[in-house]
């Protein structure tokens, strides 16, 4: 998906969760996630290969594209149905400020 996003690609509704630090009453804090907004997104499975000990292994991830502007950043969570996607990095895919692409990994709950 470089350049223009096809009509209908942003068809998955995801919930954007941001981390919030809450005092625990003992001098520390616990991190919880609160819903910030709901976004229409294009959700694509992505895979990359790498080598370790002279053997090839795959790295599975999820690429999520949403309309900009938004507050999506690394460390946030996207909830897609029952899936929990941890945002590892974000970028502007076409350099024009129209979309935000997030590289995510799926967390097991």
N, C-alpha and C. Protein backbone atom coordinates (compact mmCIF):
# COMPACT_ATOMS: atom_id res chain seq x y z
N UNK A 1 0.81 -1.18 0.00
CA UNK A 1 0.00 0.00 0.00
C UNK A 1 0.86 1.25 0.00
N UNK A 2 1.49 1.52 -1.04
CA UNK A 2 2.26 2.76 -1.11
C UNK A 2 1.46 3.75 -1.94
N UNK A 3 1.52 5.03 -1.58
CA UNK A 3 0.76 6.02 -2.31
C UNK A 3 -0.70 6.01 -1.89
N UNK A 4 -1.57 5.97 -2.89
CA UNK A 4 -3.01 6.04 -2.63
C UNK A 4 -3.52 4.74 -2.01
N UNK A 5 -4.38 4.89 -1.05
CA UNK A 5 -5.03 3.75 -0.42
C UNK A 5 -6.32 3.49 -1.21
N UNK A 6 -6.54 2.27 -1.68
CA UNK A 6 -7.74 1.99 -2.47
C UNK A 6 -9.02 2.22 -1.66
N UNK A 7 -10.07 2.62 -2.36
CA UNK A 7 -11.37 2.80 -1.71
C UNK A 7 -11.79 1.47 -1.10
N UNK A 8 -12.23 1.49 0.10
CA UNK A 8 -12.68 0.27 0.77
C UNK A 8 -11.60 -0.45 1.55
N UNK A 9 -10.35 0.00 1.45
CA UNK A 9 -9.26 -0.67 2.18
C UNK A 9 -9.39 -0.44 3.69
N UNK A 10 -9.88 0.73 4.07
CA UNK A 10 -10.03 1.07 5.49
C UNK A 10 -11.39 0.56 5.98
N UNK A 11 -11.53 -0.76 6.05
CA UNK A 11 -12.84 -1.35 6.36
C UNK A 11 -12.90 -2.08 7.70
N UNK A 12 -11.81 -2.07 8.43
CA UNK A 12 -11.78 -2.75 9.73
C UNK A 12 -11.85 -1.70 10.84
N UNK A 13 -12.78 -1.89 11.77
CA UNK A 13 -12.90 -0.96 12.89
C UNK A 13 -12.00 -1.43 14.02
N UNK A 14 -11.05 -0.58 14.43
CA UNK A 14 -10.13 -0.91 15.51
C UNK A 14 -10.29 0.12 16.63
N UNK A 15 -10.02 -0.31 17.85
CA UNK A 15 -10.06 0.59 19.01
C UNK A 15 -8.63 0.91 19.41
N UNK A 16 -8.33 2.20 19.50
CA UNK A 16 -7.00 2.68 19.87
C UNK A 16 -6.95 2.82 21.39
N UNK A 17 -6.02 2.10 22.02
CA UNK A 17 -5.83 2.14 23.47
C UNK A 17 -4.47 2.77 23.77
N UNK A 18 -4.44 3.72 24.68
CA UNK A 18 -3.19 4.39 25.05
C UNK A 18 -2.86 4.07 26.51
N UNK A 19 -1.55 3.94 26.83
CA UNK A 19 -1.16 3.64 28.21
C UNK A 19 -1.33 4.85 29.12
N UNK A 20 -1.82 4.59 30.34
CA UNK A 20 -1.98 5.63 31.35
C UNK A 20 -1.39 5.09 32.65
N UNK A 21 -0.53 5.89 33.28
CA UNK A 21 0.08 5.50 34.54
C UNK A 21 -0.84 5.90 35.69
N UNK A 22 -1.19 4.92 36.52
CA UNK A 22 -2.10 5.15 37.65
C UNK A 22 -1.36 4.85 38.95
N UNK A 23 -1.34 5.80 39.91
CA UNK A 23 -0.67 5.53 41.19
C UNK A 23 -1.29 4.32 41.88
N UNK A 24 -0.43 3.47 42.45
CA UNK A 24 -0.94 2.26 43.10
C UNK A 24 -1.14 2.42 44.60
N UNK A 25 -0.83 3.60 45.15
CA UNK A 25 -1.03 3.84 46.57
C UNK A 25 0.14 3.44 47.44
N UNK A 26 1.17 2.83 46.87
CA UNK A 26 2.34 2.40 47.62
C UNK A 26 3.61 3.09 47.12
N UNK A 27 3.46 4.22 46.45
CA UNK A 27 4.60 4.96 45.94
C UNK A 27 4.99 4.59 44.52
N UNK A 28 4.34 3.62 43.95
CA UNK A 28 4.62 3.21 42.58
C UNK A 28 3.44 3.53 41.68
N UNK A 29 3.45 2.93 40.54
CA UNK A 29 2.36 3.15 39.59
C UNK A 29 2.16 1.89 38.77
N UNK A 30 0.95 1.72 38.32
CA UNK A 30 0.66 0.62 37.40
C UNK A 30 0.17 1.23 36.09
N UNK A 31 0.45 0.54 35.02
CA UNK A 31 0.07 1.03 33.70
C UNK A 31 -1.18 0.30 33.25
N UNK A 32 -2.19 1.07 32.89
CA UNK A 32 -3.41 0.52 32.32
C UNK A 32 -3.63 1.17 30.96
N UNK A 33 -4.46 0.57 30.16
CA UNK A 33 -4.74 1.11 28.83
C UNK A 33 -6.18 1.58 28.78
N UNK A 34 -6.38 2.80 28.27
CA UNK A 34 -7.72 3.36 28.14
C UNK A 34 -8.02 3.61 26.66
N UNK A 35 -9.28 3.45 26.29
CA UNK A 35 -9.70 3.68 24.91
C UNK A 35 -9.61 5.17 24.59
N UNK A 36 -8.93 5.47 23.49
CA UNK A 36 -8.78 6.86 23.05
C UNK A 36 -9.79 7.16 21.96
N UNK A 37 -9.85 6.32 20.96
CA UNK A 37 -10.81 6.50 19.88
C UNK A 37 -10.97 5.21 19.08
N UNK A 38 -11.91 5.23 18.16
CA UNK A 38 -12.12 4.11 17.25
C UNK A 38 -11.76 4.59 15.86
N UNK A 39 -11.03 3.78 15.13
CA UNK A 39 -10.51 4.17 13.82
C UNK A 39 -10.86 3.12 12.78
N UNK A 40 -11.12 3.58 11.55
CA UNK A 40 -11.26 2.66 10.43
C UNK A 40 -9.86 2.41 9.90
N UNK A 41 -9.54 1.14 9.67
CA UNK A 41 -8.17 0.77 9.33
C UNK A 41 -8.11 -0.29 8.25
N UNK A 42 -6.98 -0.32 7.56
CA UNK A 42 -6.61 -1.43 6.68
C UNK A 42 -5.68 -2.31 7.50
N UNK A 43 -6.03 -3.57 7.65
CA UNK A 43 -5.24 -4.50 8.46
C UNK A 43 -4.69 -5.57 7.55
N UNK A 44 -3.35 -5.68 7.50
CA UNK A 44 -2.68 -6.65 6.63
C UNK A 44 -1.68 -7.47 7.43
N UNK A 45 -1.67 -8.75 7.18
CA UNK A 45 -0.64 -9.59 7.77
C UNK A 45 0.66 -9.31 7.03
N UNK A 46 1.75 -9.25 7.74
CA UNK A 46 3.05 -9.05 7.10
C UNK A 46 4.03 -10.04 7.71
N UNK A 47 5.00 -10.40 6.93
CA UNK A 47 6.01 -11.34 7.41
C UNK A 47 7.36 -10.90 6.90
N UNK A 48 8.36 -11.13 7.70
CA UNK A 48 9.73 -10.84 7.31
C UNK A 48 10.57 -12.05 7.67
N UNK A 49 11.61 -12.25 6.92
CA UNK A 49 12.48 -13.38 7.20
C UNK A 49 13.79 -12.91 7.79
N UNK A 50 14.41 -13.78 8.53
CA UNK A 50 15.71 -13.48 9.12
C UNK A 50 16.48 -14.78 9.28
N UNK A 51 17.75 -14.65 9.58
CA UNK A 51 18.58 -15.83 9.78
C UNK A 51 19.11 -15.85 11.21
N UNK A 52 19.09 -17.02 11.82
CA UNK A 52 19.68 -17.21 13.14
C UNK A 52 20.28 -18.60 13.16
N UNK A 53 21.52 -18.69 13.59
CA UNK A 53 22.23 -19.97 13.61
C UNK A 53 22.18 -20.65 12.25
N UNK A 54 22.37 -19.85 11.20
CA UNK A 54 22.39 -20.33 9.81
C UNK A 54 21.08 -20.97 9.38
N UNK A 55 20.00 -20.67 10.09
CA UNK A 55 18.68 -21.17 9.69
C UNK A 55 17.74 -19.98 9.51
N UNK A 56 16.88 -20.10 8.54
CA UNK A 56 15.92 -19.04 8.27
C UNK A 56 14.70 -19.23 9.17
N UNK A 57 14.21 -18.12 9.72
CA UNK A 57 12.96 -18.18 10.49
C UNK A 57 12.11 -16.97 10.13
N UNK A 58 10.83 -17.07 10.33
CA UNK A 58 9.91 -16.00 9.96
C UNK A 58 9.50 -15.16 11.15
N UNK A 59 9.27 -13.91 10.88
CA UNK A 59 8.77 -12.98 11.89
C UNK A 59 7.41 -12.51 11.41
N UNK A 60 6.37 -12.89 12.09
CA UNK A 60 5.02 -12.50 11.70
C UNK A 60 4.65 -11.19 12.38
N UNK A 61 3.97 -10.36 11.66
CA UNK A 61 3.52 -9.10 12.21
C UNK A 61 2.24 -8.68 11.52
N UNK A 62 1.75 -7.53 11.91
CA UNK A 62 0.54 -6.99 11.33
C UNK A 62 0.81 -5.54 10.99
N UNK A 63 0.45 -5.15 9.77
CA UNK A 63 0.61 -3.76 9.33
C UNK A 63 -0.79 -3.14 9.31
N UNK A 64 -0.96 -2.04 10.06
CA UNK A 64 -2.26 -1.38 10.18
C UNK A 64 -2.11 0.05 9.65
N UNK A 65 -2.99 0.44 8.73
CA UNK A 65 -2.97 1.78 8.16
C UNK A 65 -4.27 2.49 8.52
N UNK A 66 -4.17 3.70 9.08
CA UNK A 66 -5.34 4.50 9.46
C UNK A 66 -5.18 5.90 8.88
N UNK A 67 -6.29 6.63 8.83
CA UNK A 67 -6.23 8.02 8.38
C UNK A 67 -5.56 8.89 9.44
N UNK A 68 -4.80 9.86 8.99
CA UNK A 68 -4.20 10.84 9.89
C UNK A 68 -5.11 12.07 9.87
N UNK A 69 -5.05 12.99 10.80
CA UNK A 69 -4.21 12.96 11.99
C UNK A 69 -4.83 12.09 13.08
N UNK A 70 -3.98 11.51 13.87
CA UNK A 70 -4.39 10.73 15.03
C UNK A 70 -3.23 10.76 16.02
N UNK A 71 -3.42 10.16 17.17
CA UNK A 71 -2.39 10.19 18.21
C UNK A 71 -1.69 8.84 18.36
N UNK A 72 -1.79 8.00 17.37
CA UNK A 72 -1.20 6.66 17.41
C UNK A 72 0.32 6.74 17.48
N UNK A 73 0.93 5.98 18.41
CA UNK A 73 2.39 5.98 18.56
C UNK A 73 2.85 4.64 19.11
N UNK A 74 4.14 4.41 19.06
CA UNK A 74 4.71 3.17 19.59
C UNK A 74 4.37 3.06 21.08
N UNK A 75 4.03 1.85 21.50
CA UNK A 75 3.64 1.61 22.89
C UNK A 75 2.14 1.54 23.08
N UNK A 76 1.38 1.98 22.08
CA UNK A 76 -0.08 1.91 22.15
C UNK A 76 -0.55 0.51 21.76
N UNK A 77 -1.83 0.27 21.94
CA UNK A 77 -2.46 -1.01 21.60
C UNK A 77 -3.61 -0.73 20.64
N UNK A 78 -3.77 -1.58 19.64
CA UNK A 78 -4.95 -1.55 18.78
C UNK A 78 -5.73 -2.82 19.03
N UNK A 79 -7.00 -2.70 19.33
CA UNK A 79 -7.87 -3.85 19.55
C UNK A 79 -8.67 -4.05 18.27
N UNK A 80 -8.47 -5.20 17.63
CA UNK A 80 -9.16 -5.54 16.38
C UNK A 80 -9.97 -6.81 16.62
N UNK A 81 -11.24 -6.64 16.96
CA UNK A 81 -12.06 -7.79 17.35
C UNK A 81 -11.51 -8.37 18.64
N UNK A 82 -11.12 -9.64 18.60
CA UNK A 82 -10.54 -10.27 19.79
C UNK A 82 -9.02 -10.19 19.79
N UNK A 83 -8.44 -9.62 18.74
CA UNK A 83 -6.98 -9.51 18.64
C UNK A 83 -6.49 -8.27 19.37
N UNK A 84 -5.31 -8.39 19.97
CA UNK A 84 -4.65 -7.28 20.66
C UNK A 84 -3.33 -7.04 19.94
N UNK A 85 -3.20 -5.89 19.26
CA UNK A 85 -2.03 -5.58 18.45
C UNK A 85 -1.20 -4.50 19.14
N UNK A 86 0.03 -4.83 19.50
CA UNK A 86 0.93 -3.87 20.14
C UNK A 86 1.66 -3.08 19.06
N UNK A 87 1.54 -1.76 19.10
CA UNK A 87 2.19 -0.90 18.11
C UNK A 87 3.67 -0.80 18.44
N UNK A 88 4.52 -1.19 17.49
CA UNK A 88 5.97 -1.12 17.70
C UNK A 88 6.59 0.09 17.02
N UNK A 89 6.01 0.54 15.91
CA UNK A 89 6.54 1.70 15.19
C UNK A 89 5.43 2.28 14.32
N UNK A 90 5.52 3.59 14.05
CA UNK A 90 4.58 4.24 13.14
C UNK A 90 5.34 5.06 12.13
N UNK A 91 4.72 5.28 10.97
CA UNK A 91 5.33 6.12 9.94
C UNK A 91 4.24 6.71 9.06
N UNK A 92 4.62 7.68 8.25
CA UNK A 92 3.75 8.29 7.25
C UNK A 92 4.11 7.61 5.92
N UNK A 93 3.27 6.72 5.40
CA UNK A 93 3.67 5.90 4.25
C UNK A 93 3.91 6.66 2.95
N UNK A 94 3.24 7.79 2.74
CA UNK A 94 3.44 8.51 1.48
C UNK A 94 4.07 9.89 1.68
N UNK A 95 4.38 10.26 2.92
CA UNK A 95 5.03 11.53 3.19
C UNK A 95 4.14 12.75 3.02
N UNK A 96 2.84 12.53 2.90
CA UNK A 96 1.92 13.65 2.68
C UNK A 96 1.01 13.92 3.87
N UNK A 97 1.16 13.15 4.94
CA UNK A 97 0.37 13.38 6.14
C UNK A 97 -1.08 12.92 6.05
N UNK A 98 -1.39 12.07 5.10
CA UNK A 98 -2.78 11.61 4.95
C UNK A 98 -3.08 10.36 5.76
N UNK A 99 -2.07 9.52 5.95
CA UNK A 99 -2.26 8.24 6.63
C UNK A 99 -1.15 8.02 7.66
N UNK A 100 -1.42 7.14 8.61
CA UNK A 100 -0.40 6.67 9.54
C UNK A 100 -0.36 5.16 9.42
N UNK A 101 0.82 4.61 9.23
CA UNK A 101 0.99 3.15 9.17
C UNK A 101 1.67 2.71 10.45
N UNK A 102 1.12 1.68 11.06
CA UNK A 102 1.67 1.13 12.30
C UNK A 102 2.13 -0.30 12.06
N UNK A 103 3.34 -0.59 12.48
CA UNK A 103 3.85 -1.96 12.44
C UNK A 103 3.57 -2.54 13.83
N UNK A 104 2.82 -3.63 13.86
CA UNK A 104 2.35 -4.20 15.13
C UNK A 104 2.74 -5.66 15.25
N UNK A 105 2.74 -6.14 16.48
CA UNK A 105 2.86 -7.57 16.73
C UNK A 105 1.66 -7.97 17.56
N UNK A 106 1.17 -9.17 17.28
CA UNK A 106 -0.02 -9.63 18.00
C UNK A 106 0.38 -10.18 19.35
N UNK A 107 -0.31 -9.72 20.39
CA UNK A 107 -0.06 -10.20 21.75
C UNK A 107 -1.03 -11.31 22.08
N UNK A 108 -0.55 -12.30 22.78
CA UNK A 108 -1.41 -13.39 23.23
C UNK A 108 -2.03 -12.98 24.56
N UNK A 109 -3.34 -13.15 24.67
CA UNK A 109 -4.02 -12.76 25.92
C UNK A 109 -4.53 -13.98 26.66
